[in-house]
Amino acid sequence: MTNDSMTNNIHLRIAEKQDCVRLLELVNELALYERAPQEVTVTIEEFEDAGFGERPVWKAYVAEVDGLIVGFALYYIRFSTWKGCRMYLEDFIVTAPMRGRGIGKLLFDQLILEAKEMGFAGMVWQVLDWNEPALNFYARYNAALDAGWLNASLSKEQLLTY
C-alpha cells in the first residue's frame, strides 16, 4: 500500500492503537474546518476502545509521509434494510499542507478496494454542501449526492433525559 509517484514516501497502512492520539488531533482539525470544533467530545479512551477494545466498531487507513500521519479514512459497517451491508465513511481528512498531492485519492481508492473485497453493497458518507473541494473530489468518482435527507440525532445528554 505505498505510492511514491506524487509525493515521496507516502505510505498507506491500517491504523493501530498507538495512532489514536494523532488521529484524534486530525479529527479536531477536521471539526475546526467544518466549523464545529465544540462538537468533538469523544475522549481518547473512548476512541481507542471503539477501535481496539473488546468489540471494535471502526477501522481506519492512515497515510504517512516521512513517518507522520497526514491523513486518514475511518469507516464502519452500516446495515441498510434496503441494500445490505455498506461501508460508512465516518471521517476522511488530509491535513491542509498535504492536500493536492494525491494522498486523498490513495486513501479513497483503498476504501473502494476494501469495500469490493468485503462484498459490501456500496459505500456511503456525508459531505457538507458548502465544502467545494470535497464536492469536487467526489464528483471525480461520479458519487451520487442525495437531496431531501436531513440529519437527525440525539445527544448523550438527550438520551439520559429519557
N, C-alpha and C. Protein backbone atom coordinates (compact mmCIF):
# COMPACT_ATOMS: atom_id res chain seq x y z
N MET A 1 0.81 -1.19 0.00
CA MET A 1 0.00 0.00 0.00
C MET A 1 0.85 1.26 0.00
N THR A 2 1.82 1.32 -0.85
CA THR A 2 2.62 2.54 -0.93
C THR A 2 2.53 3.12 -2.32
N ASN A 3 2.82 4.41 -2.42
CA ASN A 3 2.84 5.08 -3.70
C ASN A 3 3.77 6.28 -3.57
N ASP A 4 4.75 6.35 -4.43
CA ASP A 4 5.69 7.45 -4.38
C ASP A 4 5.61 8.36 -5.61
N SER A 5 4.60 8.18 -6.45
CA SER A 5 4.57 8.92 -7.70
C SER A 5 4.27 10.40 -7.52
N MET A 6 3.43 10.77 -6.56
CA MET A 6 3.06 12.17 -6.41
C MET A 6 3.80 12.84 -5.26
N THR A 7 4.09 12.12 -4.22
CA THR A 7 4.82 12.64 -3.06
C THR A 7 5.77 11.55 -2.62
N ASN A 8 6.97 11.93 -2.30
CA ASN A 8 7.91 10.94 -1.80
C ASN A 8 7.44 10.39 -0.47
N ASN A 9 7.62 9.10 -0.31
CA ASN A 9 7.42 8.44 0.98
C ASN A 9 5.97 8.40 1.49
N ILE A 10 4.97 8.37 0.61
CA ILE A 10 3.60 8.16 1.07
C ILE A 10 3.46 6.68 1.37
N HIS A 11 2.95 6.40 2.55
CA HIS A 11 2.75 5.01 2.96
C HIS A 11 1.35 4.87 3.54
N LEU A 12 0.53 3.99 2.96
CA LEU A 12 -0.79 3.69 3.50
C LEU A 12 -0.70 2.42 4.31
N ARG A 13 -1.40 2.43 5.44
CA ARG A 13 -1.46 1.23 6.26
C ARG A 13 -2.71 1.29 7.12
N ILE A 14 -3.04 0.14 7.72
CA ILE A 14 -4.17 0.07 8.64
C ILE A 14 -3.76 0.75 9.95
N ALA A 15 -4.67 1.53 10.50
CA ALA A 15 -4.39 2.23 11.76
C ALA A 15 -4.17 1.23 12.89
N GLU A 16 -3.31 1.62 13.82
CA GLU A 16 -3.02 0.84 15.01
C GLU A 16 -3.36 1.68 16.24
N LYS A 17 -3.50 1.03 17.38
CA LYS A 17 -3.91 1.73 18.60
C LYS A 17 -3.02 2.93 18.91
N GLN A 18 -1.72 2.77 18.72
CA GLN A 18 -0.82 3.88 19.04
C GLN A 18 -1.00 5.09 18.14
N ASP A 19 -1.78 4.96 17.06
CA ASP A 19 -2.07 6.08 16.17
C ASP A 19 -3.20 6.96 16.68
N CYS A 20 -3.94 6.49 17.66
CA CYS A 20 -5.18 7.16 18.06
C CYS A 20 -4.99 8.61 18.50
N VAL A 21 -3.92 8.91 19.20
CA VAL A 21 -3.70 10.30 19.61
C VAL A 21 -3.60 11.20 18.38
N ARG A 22 -2.82 10.78 17.40
CA ARG A 22 -2.68 11.58 16.17
C ARG A 22 -4.00 11.63 15.40
N LEU A 23 -4.72 10.52 15.34
CA LEU A 23 -6.00 10.52 14.63
C LEU A 23 -6.97 11.50 15.28
N LEU A 24 -7.00 11.53 16.58
CA LEU A 24 -7.88 12.46 17.28
C LEU A 24 -7.46 13.91 17.04
N GLU A 25 -6.16 14.16 16.90
CA GLU A 25 -5.71 15.50 16.51
C GLU A 25 -6.29 15.88 15.16
N LEU A 26 -6.26 14.93 14.22
CA LEU A 26 -6.80 15.20 12.88
C LEU A 26 -8.32 15.33 12.91
N VAL A 27 -8.99 14.59 13.77
CA VAL A 27 -10.44 14.74 13.94
C VAL A 27 -10.74 16.17 14.37
N ASN A 28 -9.96 16.68 15.31
CA ASN A 28 -10.15 18.06 15.76
C ASN A 28 -9.85 19.07 14.65
N GLU A 29 -8.84 18.79 13.83
CA GLU A 29 -8.55 19.66 12.68
C GLU A 29 -9.73 19.66 11.72
N LEU A 30 -10.30 18.50 11.47
CA LEU A 30 -11.46 18.39 10.58
C LEU A 30 -12.66 19.14 11.16
N ALA A 31 -12.90 18.99 12.45
CA ALA A 31 -14.03 19.68 13.09
C ALA A 31 -13.86 21.19 13.00
N LEU A 32 -12.65 21.67 13.16
CA LEU A 32 -12.39 23.10 13.02
C LEU A 32 -12.69 23.56 11.60
N TYR A 33 -12.23 22.79 10.60
CA TYR A 33 -12.50 23.09 9.20
C TYR A 33 -14.01 23.10 8.93
N GLU A 34 -14.72 22.17 9.55
CA GLU A 34 -16.16 22.07 9.34
C GLU A 34 -16.95 23.00 10.25
N ARG A 35 -16.25 23.90 10.92
CA ARG A 35 -16.85 24.95 11.74
C ARG A 35 -17.63 24.41 12.93
N ALA A 36 -17.16 23.30 13.50
CA ALA A 36 -17.86 22.70 14.64
C ALA A 36 -16.89 22.09 15.64
N PRO A 37 -15.84 22.83 16.04
CA PRO A 37 -14.85 22.22 16.94
C PRO A 37 -15.44 21.81 18.28
N GLN A 38 -16.48 22.49 18.73
CA GLN A 38 -17.10 22.18 20.02
C GLN A 38 -17.84 20.84 19.99
N GLU A 39 -18.06 20.26 18.83
CA GLU A 39 -18.80 19.01 18.72
C GLU A 39 -17.95 17.78 19.03
N VAL A 40 -16.63 17.92 19.03
CA VAL A 40 -15.77 16.77 19.32
C VAL A 40 -15.70 16.62 20.83
N THR A 41 -16.39 15.60 21.34
CA THR A 41 -16.44 15.36 22.79
C THR A 41 -15.91 13.98 23.16
N VAL A 42 -15.55 13.17 22.19
CA VAL A 42 -15.05 11.83 22.47
C VAL A 42 -13.70 11.93 23.18
N THR A 43 -13.49 11.06 24.15
CA THR A 43 -12.20 11.03 24.84
C THR A 43 -11.25 10.09 24.10
N ILE A 44 -9.98 10.21 24.37
CA ILE A 44 -9.00 9.31 23.76
C ILE A 44 -9.29 7.87 24.18
N GLU A 45 -9.73 7.68 25.41
CA GLU A 45 -10.05 6.33 25.89
C GLU A 45 -11.22 5.73 25.11
N GLU A 46 -12.27 6.53 24.90
CA GLU A 46 -13.42 6.06 24.13
C GLU A 46 -13.02 5.76 22.69
N PHE A 47 -12.21 6.64 22.12
CA PHE A 47 -11.76 6.48 20.74
C PHE A 47 -10.96 5.19 20.58
N GLU A 48 -10.01 4.99 21.47
CA GLU A 48 -9.18 3.77 21.42
C GLU A 48 -10.02 2.52 21.63
N ASP A 49 -10.92 2.55 22.61
CA ASP A 49 -11.74 1.37 22.89
C ASP A 49 -12.64 1.04 21.71
N ALA A 50 -13.19 2.05 21.06
CA ALA A 50 -14.08 1.81 19.92
C ALA A 50 -13.35 1.21 18.73
N GLY A 51 -12.07 1.47 18.64
CA GLY A 51 -11.29 0.92 17.53
C GLY A 51 -10.49 -0.32 17.87
N PHE A 52 -10.11 -0.46 19.15
CA PHE A 52 -9.17 -1.53 19.50
C PHE A 52 -9.54 -2.25 20.79
N GLY A 53 -10.73 -2.03 21.30
CA GLY A 53 -11.16 -2.70 22.52
C GLY A 53 -11.69 -4.09 22.24
N GLU A 54 -12.48 -4.61 23.17
CA GLU A 54 -13.03 -5.96 23.04
C GLU A 54 -13.98 -6.10 21.86
N ARG A 55 -14.70 -5.03 21.55
CA ARG A 55 -15.66 -5.04 20.44
C ARG A 55 -15.42 -3.84 19.52
N PRO A 56 -14.36 -3.89 18.73
CA PRO A 56 -14.06 -2.74 17.87
C PRO A 56 -15.18 -2.51 16.85
N VAL A 57 -15.49 -1.24 16.63
CA VAL A 57 -16.55 -0.90 15.69
C VAL A 57 -16.04 -0.12 14.47
N TRP A 58 -14.81 0.34 14.51
CA TRP A 58 -14.29 1.07 13.36
C TRP A 58 -12.94 0.53 12.92
N LYS A 59 -12.63 0.85 11.67
CA LYS A 59 -11.32 0.53 11.08
C LYS A 59 -10.89 1.77 10.32
N ALA A 60 -9.60 1.99 10.24
CA ALA A 60 -9.11 3.16 9.52
C ALA A 60 -7.84 2.82 8.76
N TYR A 61 -7.65 3.54 7.69
CA TYR A 61 -6.39 3.54 6.96
C TYR A 61 -5.75 4.89 7.20
N VAL A 62 -4.45 4.87 7.43
CA VAL A 62 -3.71 6.11 7.62
C VAL A 62 -2.74 6.30 6.46
N ALA A 63 -2.47 7.55 6.18
CA ALA A 63 -1.47 7.92 5.19
C ALA A 63 -0.34 8.61 5.94
N GLU A 64 0.86 8.07 5.79
CA GLU A 64 2.04 8.64 6.42
C GLU A 64 2.96 9.22 5.35
N VAL A 65 3.57 10.32 5.69
CA VAL A 65 4.64 10.89 4.87
C VAL A 65 5.82 11.10 5.81
N ASP A 66 6.92 10.48 5.49
CA ASP A 66 8.12 10.56 6.33
C ASP A 66 7.81 10.21 7.78
N GLY A 67 6.95 9.21 8.00
CA GLY A 67 6.64 8.72 9.33
C GLY A 67 5.57 9.49 10.08
N LEU A 68 5.03 10.58 9.52
CA LEU A 68 4.00 11.37 10.17
C LEU A 68 2.66 11.09 9.51
N ILE A 69 1.64 10.80 10.31
CA ILE A 69 0.29 10.60 9.77
C ILE A 69 -0.24 11.95 9.31
N VAL A 70 -0.52 12.04 8.01
CA VAL A 70 -1.00 13.29 7.41
C VAL A 70 -2.43 13.17 6.90
N GLY A 71 -3.01 12.00 7.03
CA GLY A 71 -4.39 11.80 6.61
C GLY A 71 -4.89 10.45 7.06
N PHE A 72 -6.20 10.32 7.08
CA PHE A 72 -6.79 9.02 7.38
C PHE A 72 -8.21 8.95 6.86
N ALA A 73 -8.69 7.73 6.74
CA ALA A 73 -10.07 7.45 6.36
C ALA A 73 -10.57 6.39 7.33
N LEU A 74 -11.60 6.73 8.10
CA LEU A 74 -12.13 5.85 9.13
C LEU A 74 -13.54 5.44 8.74
N TYR A 75 -13.81 4.14 8.79
CA TYR A 75 -15.14 3.65 8.41
C TYR A 75 -15.64 2.60 9.39
N TYR A 76 -16.92 2.33 9.28
CA TYR A 76 -17.54 1.21 9.98
C TYR A 76 -18.57 0.60 9.06
N ILE A 77 -19.07 -0.56 9.44
CA ILE A 77 -20.06 -1.25 8.62
C ILE A 77 -21.45 -0.79 9.05
N ARG A 78 -22.22 -0.39 8.07
CA ARG A 78 -23.59 0.06 8.29
C ARG A 78 -24.51 -0.93 7.59
N PHE A 79 -25.56 -1.33 8.27
CA PHE A 79 -26.51 -2.24 7.64
C PHE A 79 -27.73 -1.46 7.18
N SER A 80 -28.05 -1.58 5.92
CA SER A 80 -29.25 -0.97 5.34
C SER A 80 -30.27 -2.06 5.08
N THR A 81 -31.47 -1.87 5.58
CA THR A 81 -32.52 -2.86 5.31
C THR A 81 -32.91 -2.87 3.84
N TRP A 82 -32.53 -1.84 3.12
CA TRP A 82 -32.82 -1.78 1.68
C TRP A 82 -31.68 -2.35 0.85
N LYS A 83 -30.44 -2.17 1.30
CA LYS A 83 -29.28 -2.51 0.46
C LYS A 83 -28.38 -3.58 1.02
N GLY A 84 -28.40 -3.80 2.34
CA GLY A 84 -27.49 -4.75 2.97
C GLY A 84 -26.31 -4.03 3.60
N CYS A 85 -25.20 -4.74 3.78
CA CYS A 85 -24.02 -4.16 4.43
C CYS A 85 -23.34 -3.16 3.50
N ARG A 86 -23.09 -1.99 4.04
CA ARG A 86 -22.42 -0.94 3.29
C ARG A 86 -21.31 -0.34 4.15
N MET A 87 -20.29 0.13 3.51
CA MET A 87 -19.22 0.85 4.21
C MET A 87 -19.71 2.26 4.48
N TYR A 88 -19.60 2.70 5.73
CA TYR A 88 -19.92 4.09 6.05
C TYR A 88 -18.63 4.82 6.38
N LEU A 89 -18.28 5.76 5.54
CA LEU A 89 -17.07 6.56 5.73
C LEU A 89 -17.38 7.67 6.72
N GLU A 90 -16.89 7.51 7.93
CA GLU A 90 -17.19 8.47 9.01
C GLU A 90 -16.32 9.72 8.90
N ASP A 91 -15.02 9.54 8.76
CA ASP A 91 -14.11 10.67 8.65
C ASP A 91 -13.07 10.40 7.58
N PHE A 92 -12.77 11.45 6.83
CA PHE A 92 -11.82 11.37 5.73
C PHE A 92 -11.12 12.72 5.68
N ILE A 93 -9.84 12.74 6.01
CA ILE A 93 -9.12 14.01 6.06
C ILE A 93 -7.67 13.83 5.62
N VAL A 94 -7.20 14.84 4.93
CA VAL A 94 -5.78 15.01 4.65
C VAL A 94 -5.45 16.41 5.18
N THR A 95 -4.38 16.53 5.95
CA THR A 95 -4.04 17.83 6.53
C THR A 95 -3.86 18.87 5.42
N ALA A 96 -4.21 20.10 5.74
CA ALA A 96 -4.19 21.18 4.75
C ALA A 96 -2.87 21.29 3.98
N PRO A 97 -1.71 21.23 4.65
CA PRO A 97 -0.46 21.37 3.88
C PRO A 97 -0.18 20.23 2.91
N MET A 98 -0.85 19.09 3.10
CA MET A 98 -0.57 17.92 2.26
C MET A 98 -1.61 17.69 1.17
N ARG A 99 -2.62 18.54 1.11
CA ARG A 99 -3.67 18.38 0.09
C ARG A 99 -3.12 18.68 -1.29
N GLY A 100 -3.73 18.05 -2.29
CA GLY A 100 -3.33 18.26 -3.66
C GLY A 100 -2.16 17.41 -4.10
N ARG A 101 -1.76 16.45 -3.30
CA ARG A 101 -0.61 15.60 -3.62
C ARG A 101 -1.03 14.16 -3.93
N GLY A 102 -2.34 13.91 -4.01
CA GLY A 102 -2.81 12.58 -4.34
C GLY A 102 -3.03 11.67 -3.15
N ILE A 103 -2.85 12.18 -1.94
CA ILE A 103 -3.00 11.36 -0.74
C ILE A 103 -4.46 10.98 -0.54
N GLY A 104 -5.36 11.92 -0.72
CA GLY A 104 -6.78 11.63 -0.59
C GLY A 104 -7.23 10.57 -1.58
N LYS A 105 -6.75 10.67 -2.80
CA LYS A 105 -7.10 9.66 -3.81
C LYS A 105 -6.60 8.28 -3.41
N LEU A 106 -5.38 8.20 -2.89
CA LEU A 106 -4.86 6.92 -2.45
C LEU A 106 -5.72 6.31 -1.34
N LEU A 107 -6.11 7.14 -0.37
CA LEU A 107 -6.95 6.66 0.72
C LEU A 107 -8.32 6.23 0.21
N PHE A 108 -8.93 7.06 -0.62
CA PHE A 108 -10.28 6.76 -1.12
C PHE A 108 -10.27 5.51 -2.00
N ASP A 109 -9.25 5.39 -2.84
CA ASP A 109 -9.13 4.19 -3.68
C ASP A 109 -8.95 2.95 -2.82
N GLN A 110 -8.23 3.06 -1.70
CA GLN A 110 -8.06 1.93 -0.79
C GLN A 110 -9.39 1.52 -0.19
N LEU A 111 -10.23 2.50 0.15
CA LEU A 111 -11.55 2.19 0.69
C LEU A 111 -12.41 1.48 -0.34
N ILE A 112 -12.36 1.95 -1.57
CA ILE A 112 -13.13 1.30 -2.64
C ILE A 112 -12.68 -0.15 -2.78
N LEU A 113 -11.39 -0.37 -2.79
CA LEU A 113 -10.85 -1.73 -2.88
C LEU A 113 -11.34 -2.58 -1.71
N GLU A 114 -11.28 -2.04 -0.52
CA GLU A 114 -11.73 -2.76 0.68
C GLU A 114 -13.22 -3.08 0.58
N ALA A 115 -14.03 -2.12 0.16
CA ALA A 115 -15.47 -2.34 0.04
C ALA A 115 -15.76 -3.46 -0.96
N LYS A 116 -15.03 -3.47 -2.05
CA LYS A 116 -15.21 -4.54 -3.04
C LYS A 116 -14.77 -5.89 -2.47
N GLU A 117 -13.61 -5.92 -1.81
CA GLU A 117 -13.10 -7.18 -1.25
C GLU A 117 -14.03 -7.73 -0.16
N MET A 118 -14.66 -6.85 0.60
CA MET A 118 -15.56 -7.28 1.68
C MET A 118 -16.96 -7.61 1.16
N GLY A 119 -17.21 -7.35 -0.11
CA GLY A 119 -18.51 -7.65 -0.69
C GLY A 119 -19.62 -6.71 -0.24
N PHE A 120 -19.26 -5.50 0.18
CA PHE A 120 -20.26 -4.55 0.62
C PHE A 120 -21.16 -4.14 -0.55
N ALA A 121 -22.38 -3.76 -0.23
CA ALA A 121 -23.36 -3.33 -1.23
C ALA A 121 -23.19 -1.86 -1.59
N GLY A 122 -22.10 -1.28 -1.20
CA GLY A 122 -21.84 0.11 -1.54
C GLY A 122 -21.08 0.81 -0.43
N MET A 123 -20.91 2.10 -0.64
CA MET A 123 -20.15 2.94 0.28
C MET A 123 -20.92 4.25 0.40
N VAL A 124 -21.11 4.73 1.63
CA VAL A 124 -21.86 5.96 1.85
C VAL A 124 -21.10 6.87 2.81
N TRP A 125 -21.39 8.16 2.73
CA TRP A 125 -20.77 9.15 3.59
C TRP A 125 -21.57 10.43 3.50
N GLN A 126 -21.21 11.41 4.31
CA GLN A 126 -21.83 12.73 4.27
C GLN A 126 -20.78 13.74 3.86
N VAL A 127 -21.24 14.79 3.21
CA VAL A 127 -20.37 15.90 2.86
C VAL A 127 -21.18 17.19 3.03
N LEU A 128 -20.57 18.20 3.58
CA LEU A 128 -21.25 19.47 3.76
C LEU A 128 -21.48 20.14 2.41
N ASP A 129 -22.64 20.76 2.25
CA ASP A 129 -23.00 21.33 0.95
C ASP A 129 -22.13 22.52 0.54
N TRP A 130 -21.40 23.10 1.48
CA TRP A 130 -20.52 24.23 1.16
C TRP A 130 -19.07 23.82 0.94
N ASN A 131 -18.77 22.56 1.13
CA ASN A 131 -17.38 22.08 1.04
C ASN A 131 -17.02 21.78 -0.42
N GLU A 132 -16.75 22.84 -1.17
CA GLU A 132 -16.48 22.71 -2.61
C GLU A 132 -15.31 21.77 -2.93
N PRO A 133 -14.18 21.85 -2.20
CA PRO A 133 -13.10 20.92 -2.53
C PRO A 133 -13.53 19.46 -2.40
N ALA A 134 -14.28 19.14 -1.35
CA ALA A 134 -14.74 17.76 -1.17
C ALA A 134 -15.75 17.39 -2.25
N LEU A 135 -16.68 18.28 -2.55
CA LEU A 135 -17.67 18.00 -3.59
C LEU A 135 -16.99 17.76 -4.93
N ASN A 136 -15.99 18.55 -5.24
CA ASN A 136 -15.24 18.36 -6.49
C ASN A 136 -14.49 17.04 -6.49
N PHE A 137 -13.92 16.67 -5.35
CA PHE A 137 -13.21 15.40 -5.23
C PHE A 137 -14.17 14.24 -5.51
N TYR A 138 -15.32 14.23 -4.85
CA TYR A 138 -16.27 13.14 -5.01
C TYR A 138 -16.88 13.11 -6.41
N ALA A 139 -16.99 14.27 -7.04
CA ALA A 139 -17.52 14.32 -8.41
C ALA A 139 -16.63 13.53 -9.37
N ARG A 140 -15.32 13.50 -9.10
CA ARG A 140 -14.41 12.73 -9.95
C ARG A 140 -14.69 11.23 -9.89
N TYR A 141 -15.39 10.81 -8.85
CA TYR A 141 -15.78 9.40 -8.71
C TYR A 141 -17.24 9.17 -9.15
N ASN A 142 -17.86 10.22 -9.66
CA ASN A 142 -19.27 10.16 -10.05
C ASN A 142 -20.17 9.78 -8.88
N ALA A 143 -19.83 10.24 -7.69
CA ALA A 143 -20.62 9.95 -6.50
C ALA A 143 -21.98 10.62 -6.59
N ALA A 144 -23.01 9.91 -6.15
CA ALA A 144 -24.37 10.45 -6.12
C ALA A 144 -24.56 11.23 -4.81
N LEU A 145 -25.17 12.39 -4.91
CA LEU A 145 -25.50 13.20 -3.74
C LEU A 145 -27.01 13.17 -3.57
N ASP A 146 -27.46 12.76 -2.40
CA ASP A 146 -28.89 12.65 -2.13
C ASP A 146 -29.43 13.98 -1.63
N ALA A 147 -30.44 14.48 -2.29
CA ALA A 147 -31.14 15.67 -1.81
C ALA A 147 -32.35 15.21 -1.01
N GLY A 148 -32.80 16.05 -0.11
CA GLY A 148 -34.03 15.77 0.60
C GLY A 148 -33.88 15.03 1.91
N TRP A 149 -32.68 14.58 2.25
CA TRP A 149 -32.47 13.89 3.51
C TRP A 149 -31.90 14.86 4.53
N LEU A 150 -32.42 14.84 5.72
CA LEU A 150 -31.92 15.67 6.80
C LEU A 150 -31.27 14.79 7.84
N ASN A 151 -30.21 15.26 8.46
CA ASN A 151 -29.56 14.52 9.54
C ASN A 151 -30.37 14.70 10.81
N ALA A 152 -30.53 13.64 11.56
CA ALA A 152 -31.22 13.69 12.84
C ALA A 152 -30.35 12.99 13.88
N SER A 153 -30.40 13.47 15.12
CA SER A 153 -29.59 12.85 16.17
C SER A 153 -30.15 13.19 17.54
N LEU A 154 -29.76 12.39 18.51
CA LEU A 154 -29.98 12.68 19.92
C LEU A 154 -28.61 12.64 20.59
N SER A 155 -28.29 13.63 21.37
CA SER A 155 -27.01 13.67 22.08
C SER A 155 -27.03 12.72 23.26
N LYS A 156 -25.88 12.48 23.84
CA LYS A 156 -25.78 11.64 25.04
C LYS A 156 -26.64 12.25 26.15
N GLU A 157 -26.58 13.57 26.29
CA GLU A 157 -27.38 14.26 27.32
C GLU A 157 -28.87 14.08 27.06
N GLN A 158 -29.28 14.14 25.82
CA GLN A 158 -30.69 13.95 25.49
C GLN A 158 -31.12 12.52 25.81
N LEU A 159 -30.27 11.56 25.49
CA LEU A 159 -30.60 10.16 25.79
C LEU A 159 -30.82 9.96 27.29
N LEU A 160 -30.00 10.63 28.09
CA LEU A 160 -30.08 10.46 29.54
C LEU A 160 -31.37 11.05 30.13
N THR A 161 -32.03 11.94 29.41
CA THR A 161 -33.25 12.53 29.93
C THR A 161 -34.46 11.64 29.71
N TYR A 162 -34.31 10.54 29.00
CA TYR A 162 -35.45 9.63 28.74
C TYR A 162 -35.29 8.32 29.45
